[in-house]
Amino acid sequence: MVIYSLRQSPEGDWSIRRETATLFSQLRLGPAIQLAREAARDEHTRSGRSTCVEMPGPTSTIRLAQYARPDLPIESAVA
């Protein structure tokens, strides 16, 4: 599964990362979420790979979107 993650900087703006690479930075939270979802959905559409968007929560990671391969149940795509 390809993971797109949102990270907040000490200054309060947000960046979008794909695994270890920063794709976009200095974004407000709303636009960062929309752009990360669009990027993950586009990669899933083009490659057929399972993708998701995550951001840090107060106690755990919050999954904001998930695009699973159609031949796999969601439980299998997450593992």
N, C-alpha and C. Protein backbone atom coordinates (compact mmCIF):
# COMPACT_ATOMS: atom_id res chain seq x y z
N MET A 1 0.84 -1.18 0.00
CA MET A 1 0.00 0.00 0.00
C MET A 1 0.89 1.24 0.00
N VAL A 2 0.51 2.20 -0.82
CA VAL A 2 1.22 3.48 -0.87
C VAL A 2 0.53 4.42 0.11
N ILE A 3 1.32 5.03 0.98
CA ILE A 3 0.76 5.92 2.00
C ILE A 3 1.15 7.36 1.72
N TYR A 4 0.14 8.20 1.61
CA TYR A 4 0.33 9.65 1.55
C TYR A 4 0.04 10.16 2.96
N SER A 5 0.96 10.95 3.51
CA SER A 5 0.75 11.41 4.88
C SER A 5 0.84 12.93 4.94
N LEU A 6 0.08 13.49 5.87
CA LEU A 6 0.11 14.92 6.13
C LEU A 6 0.98 15.14 7.37
N ARG A 7 1.83 16.14 7.31
CA ARG A 7 2.70 16.47 8.44
C ARG A 7 2.61 17.96 8.71
N GLN A 8 2.51 18.31 9.98
CA GLN A 8 2.46 19.72 10.35
C GLN A 8 3.85 20.20 10.76
N SER A 9 4.22 21.37 10.26
CA SER A 9 5.52 21.95 10.62
C SER A 9 5.38 22.72 11.93
N PRO A 10 6.48 23.06 12.56
CA PRO A 10 6.42 23.88 13.78
C PRO A 10 5.75 25.24 13.56
N GLU A 11 5.78 25.73 12.32
CA GLU A 11 5.16 27.01 12.00
C GLU A 11 3.64 26.89 11.85
N GLY A 12 3.13 25.66 11.75
CA GLY A 12 1.69 25.44 11.66
C GLY A 12 1.17 25.10 10.28
N ASP A 13 2.02 25.20 9.25
CA ASP A 13 1.54 24.81 7.92
C ASP A 13 1.72 23.30 7.74
N TRP A 14 1.18 22.77 6.64
CA TRP A 14 1.14 21.33 6.42
C TRP A 14 1.88 20.95 5.15
N SER A 15 2.43 19.75 5.14
CA SER A 15 3.06 19.21 3.94
C SER A 15 2.44 17.85 3.64
N ILE A 16 2.58 17.45 2.38
CA ILE A 16 2.10 16.14 1.93
C ILE A 16 3.33 15.33 1.56
N ARG A 17 3.41 14.13 2.13
CA ARG A 17 4.53 13.23 1.85
C ARG A 17 4.01 11.94 1.25
N ARG A 18 4.79 11.41 0.34
CA ARG A 18 4.51 10.07 -0.21
C ARG A 18 5.68 9.22 0.23
N GLU A 19 5.39 8.36 1.19
CA GLU A 19 6.42 7.56 1.84
C GLU A 19 7.47 8.51 2.41
N THR A 20 8.69 8.61 1.88
CA THR A 20 9.70 9.48 2.49
C THR A 20 9.91 10.79 1.73
N ALA A 21 9.23 10.98 0.61
CA ALA A 21 9.43 12.19 -0.21
C ALA A 21 8.35 13.23 0.07
N THR A 22 8.76 14.48 0.26
CA THR A 22 7.81 15.57 0.40
C THR A 22 7.36 16.01 -0.98
N LEU A 23 6.06 15.98 -1.23
CA LEU A 23 5.51 16.35 -2.53
C LEU A 23 5.09 17.82 -2.58
N PHE A 24 4.46 18.29 -1.49
CA PHE A 24 3.96 19.65 -1.41
C PHE A 24 4.20 20.15 0.01
N SER A 25 4.39 21.45 0.17
CA SER A 25 4.59 21.99 1.51
C SER A 25 3.96 23.37 1.61
N GLN A 26 3.94 23.89 2.82
CA GLN A 26 3.41 25.22 3.13
C GLN A 26 1.95 25.38 2.72
N LEU A 27 1.14 24.37 3.09
CA LEU A 27 -0.29 24.38 2.76
C LEU A 27 -1.11 24.56 4.03
N ARG A 28 -2.32 25.10 3.88
CA ARG A 28 -3.28 25.09 4.97
C ARG A 28 -3.88 23.68 5.03
N LEU A 29 -4.48 23.35 6.17
CA LEU A 29 -4.94 21.97 6.38
C LEU A 29 -5.99 21.54 5.36
N GLY A 30 -7.02 22.33 5.12
CA GLY A 30 -8.08 21.94 4.17
C GLY A 30 -7.55 21.64 2.78
N PRO A 31 -6.81 22.58 2.18
CA PRO A 31 -6.24 22.29 0.86
C PRO A 31 -5.26 21.12 0.87
N ALA A 32 -4.54 20.92 1.96
CA ALA A 32 -3.60 19.79 2.04
C ALA A 32 -4.35 18.47 2.00
N ILE A 33 -5.45 18.38 2.72
CA ILE A 33 -6.26 17.15 2.72
C ILE A 33 -6.81 16.89 1.33
N GLN A 34 -7.37 17.92 0.69
CA GLN A 34 -7.94 17.75 -0.65
C GLN A 34 -6.88 17.31 -1.65
N LEU A 35 -5.71 17.94 -1.62
CA LEU A 35 -4.65 17.61 -2.56
C LEU A 35 -4.10 16.20 -2.33
N ALA A 36 -3.95 15.81 -1.07
CA ALA A 36 -3.46 14.47 -0.76
C ALA A 36 -4.45 13.41 -1.23
N ARG A 37 -5.73 13.64 -1.01
CA ARG A 37 -6.75 12.69 -1.49
C ARG A 37 -6.73 12.59 -3.01
N GLU A 38 -6.60 13.73 -3.68
CA GLU A 38 -6.55 13.73 -5.14
C GLU A 38 -5.34 12.96 -5.65
N ALA A 39 -4.18 13.19 -5.03
CA ALA A 39 -2.96 12.50 -5.45
C ALA A 39 -3.07 10.99 -5.23
N ALA A 40 -3.60 10.59 -4.08
CA ALA A 40 -3.75 9.16 -3.78
C ALA A 40 -4.76 8.50 -4.72
N ARG A 41 -5.87 9.18 -4.97
CA ARG A 41 -6.88 8.63 -5.88
C ARG A 41 -6.32 8.51 -7.30
N ASP A 42 -5.56 9.53 -7.73
CA ASP A 42 -4.96 9.50 -9.07
C ASP A 42 -3.97 8.35 -9.20
N GLU A 43 -3.12 8.16 -8.20
CA GLU A 43 -2.17 7.05 -8.27
C GLU A 43 -2.90 5.72 -8.29
N HIS A 44 -3.93 5.58 -7.49
CA HIS A 44 -4.70 4.34 -7.48
C HIS A 44 -5.33 4.09 -8.85
N THR A 45 -5.90 5.13 -9.45
CA THR A 45 -6.54 4.99 -10.76
C THR A 45 -5.53 4.60 -11.83
N ARG A 46 -4.35 5.24 -11.80
CA ARG A 46 -3.34 4.98 -12.82
C ARG A 46 -2.66 3.62 -12.64
N SER A 47 -2.33 3.27 -11.40
CA SER A 47 -1.51 2.08 -11.17
C SER A 47 -2.29 0.86 -10.69
N GLY A 48 -3.47 1.09 -10.12
CA GLY A 48 -4.24 -0.02 -9.55
C GLY A 48 -3.75 -0.42 -8.17
N ARG A 49 -2.72 0.25 -7.66
CA ARG A 49 -2.22 -0.07 -6.32
C ARG A 49 -3.13 0.51 -5.25
N SER A 50 -3.18 -0.13 -4.11
CA SER A 50 -3.92 0.40 -2.98
C SER A 50 -3.17 1.61 -2.43
N THR A 51 -3.92 2.68 -2.14
CA THR A 51 -3.33 3.89 -1.58
C THR A 51 -4.20 4.38 -0.43
N CYS A 52 -3.62 5.18 0.45
CA CYS A 52 -4.39 5.80 1.52
C CYS A 52 -3.76 7.14 1.89
N VAL A 53 -4.54 7.94 2.62
CA VAL A 53 -4.10 9.24 3.12
C VAL A 53 -4.25 9.20 4.63
N GLU A 54 -3.17 9.56 5.33
CA GLU A 54 -3.19 9.54 6.79
C GLU A 54 -2.64 10.85 7.34
N MET A 55 -3.08 11.17 8.56
CA MET A 55 -2.52 12.31 9.27
C MET A 55 -2.42 11.97 10.75
N PRO A 56 -1.52 12.62 11.46
CA PRO A 56 -1.38 12.32 12.89
C PRO A 56 -2.58 12.83 13.67
N GLY A 57 -3.04 12.02 14.61
CA GLY A 57 -4.10 12.43 15.52
C GLY A 57 -3.54 12.58 16.92
N PRO A 58 -4.36 12.95 17.88
CA PRO A 58 -3.87 13.15 19.24
C PRO A 58 -3.32 11.88 19.89
N THR A 59 -3.88 10.73 19.55
CA THR A 59 -3.40 9.48 20.15
C THR A 59 -3.02 8.42 19.13
N SER A 60 -3.45 8.59 17.89
CA SER A 60 -3.12 7.60 16.86
C SER A 60 -3.25 8.25 15.49
N THR A 61 -2.88 7.51 14.46
CA THR A 61 -2.98 8.00 13.09
C THR A 61 -4.43 7.94 12.62
N ILE A 62 -4.85 9.00 11.91
CA ILE A 62 -6.21 9.07 11.38
C ILE A 62 -6.16 8.82 9.88
N ARG A 63 -6.91 7.83 9.42
CA ARG A 63 -6.98 7.54 7.98
C ARG A 63 -8.07 8.41 7.38
N LEU A 64 -7.69 9.28 6.44
CA LEU A 64 -8.62 10.22 5.82
C LEU A 64 -9.23 9.68 4.54
N ALA A 65 -8.53 8.78 3.86
CA ALA A 65 -9.03 8.21 2.60
C ALA A 65 -8.31 6.90 2.36
N GLN A 66 -9.00 6.01 1.65
CA GLN A 66 -8.39 4.74 1.27
C GLN A 66 -8.95 4.31 -0.07
N TYR A 67 -8.06 3.95 -0.96
CA TYR A 67 -8.43 3.48 -2.30
C TYR A 67 -7.83 2.09 -2.45
N ALA A 68 -8.67 1.06 -2.33
CA ALA A 68 -8.20 -0.33 -2.34
C ALA A 68 -8.37 -0.93 -3.72
N ARG A 69 -7.53 -1.93 -4.00
CA ARG A 69 -7.70 -2.67 -5.25
C ARG A 69 -9.06 -3.35 -5.22
N PRO A 70 -9.78 -3.36 -6.34
CA PRO A 70 -11.13 -3.93 -6.35
C PRO A 70 -11.17 -5.42 -6.08
N ASP A 71 -10.07 -6.14 -6.30
CA ASP A 71 -10.10 -7.58 -6.08
C ASP A 71 -9.73 -7.98 -4.65
N LEU A 72 -9.44 -7.00 -3.79
CA LEU A 72 -9.09 -7.29 -2.40
C LEU A 72 -10.14 -6.72 -1.46
N PRO A 73 -10.52 -7.47 -0.43
CA PRO A 73 -11.38 -6.89 0.58
C PRO A 73 -10.60 -5.80 1.34
N ILE A 74 -11.29 -4.84 1.92
CA ILE A 74 -10.63 -3.73 2.62
C ILE A 74 -9.68 -4.25 3.70
N GLU A 75 -10.07 -5.29 4.43
CA GLU A 75 -9.23 -5.80 5.51
C GLU A 75 -7.87 -6.25 4.95
N SER A 76 -7.86 -6.90 3.80
CA SER A 76 -6.62 -7.37 3.19
C SER A 76 -5.79 -6.21 2.67
N ALA A 77 -6.42 -5.18 2.17
CA ALA A 77 -5.71 -4.04 1.60
C ALA A 77 -5.00 -3.25 2.67
N VAL A 78 -5.53 -3.25 3.90
CA VAL A 78 -4.92 -2.48 4.98
C VAL A 78 -3.67 -3.16 5.51
N ALA A 79 -3.65 -4.46 5.55
CA ALA A 79 -2.53 -5.20 6.14
C ALA A 79 -1.24 -5.01 5.38
